[in-house]
Amino acid sequence: MVYTVNLLDDIRHRYVALASLSNFEMTQTMTDVRVLIDTGAFNTMIDLALAQRFGVLLPESMVVSIGGKTGKARFCIISNMTLNSCTLTRIFALAYPFDDWLMGHILLGTNVMNNWDFTISRSRDIIEFSEKTPFDAPNKVFPYQNYFKDGNYVAVQDELGI
């Protein structure tokens, strides 16, 4: 199945879409979360405030650099994110307190998009994708829990023993 997500035009030179988040118990739902499609980022990043409401924070962390700032980001599993009619579950992300205009945003990295066959069309303002987990993905049961560490594609369960 091919999913189509409309891109917003409110931030020049960025691919931005709207999504909704819900927690594992489906008791909290939030709409109009801005998702920046970041094809240059390895790992998905989420504002720490969103991660605390819609994910599970893990005790592990790693050093990240975002917006010219460097700091420790907590490992996180985002429960559910819906882009139009496609719901992604158990997404590995790095939770970090975003500043300024990034507050309340998600930067969707290639740890998610590597599981897609996708095209981005700026002329039509859409991203079209179908879910196709790569043959060499380390974790095909929960493909969105793969991430990049030290240049390697890693399954978070293998790394943390969860």
Protein backbone atom coordinates (compact mmCIF):
# COMPACT_ATOMS: atom_id res chain seq x y z
CA MET A 1 0.00 0.00 0.00
CA VAL A 2 1.27 3.48 -0.88
CA TYR A 3 0.68 6.24 1.66
CA THR A 4 0.53 9.91 0.70
CA VAL A 5 1.28 12.63 3.23
CA ASN A 6 0.79 16.30 2.44
CA LEU A 7 3.71 18.57 3.17
CA LEU A 8 3.25 22.02 4.65
CA ASP A 9 4.73 25.10 3.09
CA ASP A 10 5.16 27.18 6.24
CA ILE A 11 8.92 26.62 6.65
CA ARG A 12 10.97 27.34 3.53
CA HIS A 13 13.45 24.70 2.41
CA ARG A 14 12.07 22.09 4.81
CA TYR A 15 9.81 19.12 4.35
CA VAL A 16 7.24 19.39 7.12
CA ALA A 17 4.12 17.28 7.66
CA LEU A 18 1.49 17.04 10.36
CA ALA A 19 1.13 13.91 12.47
CA SER A 20 -0.66 12.80 15.59
CA LEU A 21 0.83 10.96 18.53
CA SER A 22 -0.76 8.61 21.04
CA ASN A 23 0.66 6.69 23.96
CA PHE A 24 0.67 2.91 24.30
CA GLU A 25 -2.59 2.90 26.30
CA MET A 26 -4.20 5.16 23.65
CA THR A 27 -5.39 7.43 26.48
CA GLN A 28 -3.65 10.56 25.21
CA THR A 29 -3.89 11.77 21.64
CA MET A 30 -2.34 14.93 20.26
CA THR A 31 -2.85 16.27 16.76
CA ASP A 32 -0.92 18.77 14.72
CA VAL A 33 2.54 17.68 15.79
CA ARG A 34 4.96 18.99 13.21
CA VAL A 35 7.24 16.36 11.74
CA LEU A 36 10.32 17.56 9.87
CA ILE A 37 11.33 14.98 7.27
CA ASP A 38 15.09 15.11 7.81
CA THR A 39 16.80 12.99 5.16
CA GLY A 40 20.18 14.18 6.42
CA ALA A 41 19.71 12.85 9.97
CA PHE A 42 20.48 9.31 10.98
CA ASN A 43 18.28 9.14 14.07
CA THR A 44 14.81 10.43 14.75
CA MET A 45 14.76 13.19 17.36
CA ILE A 46 11.79 14.22 19.50
CA ASP A 47 11.27 17.14 21.82
CA LEU A 48 11.71 15.83 25.39
CA ALA A 49 8.32 17.21 26.46
CA LEU A 50 6.59 15.15 23.74
CA ALA A 51 8.63 12.05 24.59
CA GLN A 52 7.54 12.24 28.22
CA ARG A 53 3.86 12.25 27.19
CA PHE A 54 3.86 9.89 24.22
CA GLY A 55 6.75 7.53 24.69
CA VAL A 56 8.85 5.52 27.04
CA LEU A 57 12.10 7.12 28.17
CA LEU A 58 14.93 4.65 28.60
CA PRO A 59 17.79 5.30 31.03
CA GLU A 60 20.44 5.22 28.29
CA SER A 61 21.59 8.35 26.50
CA MET A 62 24.01 9.51 23.86
CA VAL A 63 25.60 12.82 22.98
CA VAL A 64 23.91 14.69 20.12
CA SER A 65 24.31 17.99 18.35
CA ILE A 66 21.20 19.84 17.24
CA GLY A 67 20.80 23.46 16.27
CA GLY A 68 24.41 24.19 17.17
CA LYS A 69 24.00 22.84 20.72
CA THR A 70 25.55 19.65 22.03
CA GLY A 71 24.11 17.63 24.90
CA LYS A 72 22.89 14.25 26.08
CA ALA A 73 19.70 12.90 24.57
CA ARG A 74 17.71 10.12 26.25
CA PHE A 75 16.85 6.98 24.32
CA CYS A 76 13.11 6.82 23.78
CA ILE A 77 10.48 4.65 22.16
CA ILE A 78 7.64 6.73 20.67
CA SER A 79 4.44 4.76 21.12
CA ASN A 80 2.41 5.59 18.02
CA MET A 81 2.71 8.24 15.32
CA THR A 82 0.07 8.56 12.62
CA LEU A 83 0.84 10.22 9.30
CA ASN A 84 -2.48 10.44 7.44
CA SER A 85 -3.71 6.82 7.40
CA CYS A 86 -0.40 5.16 8.27
CA THR A 87 0.36 4.46 11.93
CA LEU A 88 3.97 3.80 12.86
CA THR A 89 4.56 2.07 16.18
CA ARG A 90 7.49 1.68 18.56
CA ILE A 91 9.74 4.25 16.91
CA PHE A 92 13.21 4.62 18.36
CA ALA A 93 14.09 8.27 18.90
CA LEU A 94 16.45 10.44 20.84
CA ALA A 95 14.63 12.75 23.26
CA TYR A 96 16.19 16.17 23.74
CA PRO A 97 14.75 19.47 25.01
CA PHE A 98 14.26 21.51 21.85
CA ASP A 99 14.50 25.30 21.86
CA ASP A 100 12.73 28.08 20.01
CA TRP A 101 10.76 27.07 16.92
CA LEU A 102 11.66 23.36 17.25
CA MET A 103 9.73 22.97 20.53
CA GLY A 104 6.98 20.39 20.08
CA HIS A 105 8.50 18.99 16.89
CA ILE A 106 9.84 15.65 15.71
CA LEU A 107 12.77 15.33 13.31
CA LEU A 108 12.10 12.13 11.40
CA GLY A 109 15.46 10.55 10.56
CA THR A 110 16.58 7.79 8.27
CA ASN A 111 16.23 5.13 10.98
CA VAL A 112 12.53 5.41 10.09
CA MET A 113 12.78 6.31 6.40
CA ASN A 114 15.16 3.41 5.64
CA ASN A 115 12.08 1.23 6.14
CA TRP A 116 10.28 3.05 3.34
CA ASP A 117 10.36 3.13 -0.39
CA PHE A 118 9.59 6.83 -0.73
CA THR A 119 9.61 9.89 -2.95
CA ILE A 120 9.32 13.51 -1.94
CA SER A 121 7.73 15.88 -4.43
CA ARG A 122 8.16 19.55 -3.65
CA SER A 123 6.20 20.51 -6.78
CA ARG A 124 3.17 18.54 -5.51
CA ASP A 125 4.00 19.13 -1.79
CA ILE A 126 3.70 15.45 -0.88
CA ILE A 127 5.72 12.52 0.33
CA GLU A 128 4.63 9.11 -0.93
CA PHE A 129 5.88 5.94 0.71
CA SER A 130 5.28 2.28 1.23
CA GLU A 131 6.73 0.30 4.11
CA LYS A 132 9.53 -1.97 2.91
CA THR A 133 11.92 -3.07 5.60
CA PRO A 134 15.40 -3.57 4.14
CA PHE A 135 16.62 -7.14 3.85
CA ASP A 136 19.63 -6.41 6.07
CA ALA A 137 17.65 -4.63 8.83
CA PRO A 138 18.74 -5.98 12.22
CA ASN A 139 15.21 -6.11 13.63
CA LYS A 140 12.34 -6.92 11.30
CA VAL A 141 9.74 -7.51 14.04
CA PHE A 142 9.87 -3.84 15.12
CA PRO A 143 11.70 -2.20 12.22
CA TYR A 144 11.27 1.33 13.57
CA GLN A 145 13.37 0.41 16.62
CA ASN A 146 16.53 0.30 14.54
CA TYR A 147 18.89 3.23 14.83
CA PHE A 148 22.41 4.34 13.95
CA LYS A 149 25.28 4.27 16.42
CA ASP A 150 28.91 4.83 15.49
CA GLY A 151 28.04 4.34 11.82
CA ASN A 152 26.32 0.99 12.40
CA TYR A 153 22.65 0.10 11.99
CA VAL A 154 21.64 -1.34 15.40
CA ALA A 155 18.46 -2.83 16.88
CA VAL A 156 17.76 -1.07 20.16
CA GLN A 157 16.68 -4.39 21.73
CA ASP A 158 20.03 -5.96 20.93
CA GLU A 159 21.90 -2.94 22.26
CA LEU A 160 19.95 -2.60 25.51
CA GLY A 161 18.69 -6.13 26.07
CA ILE A 162 15.05 -5.08 26.24
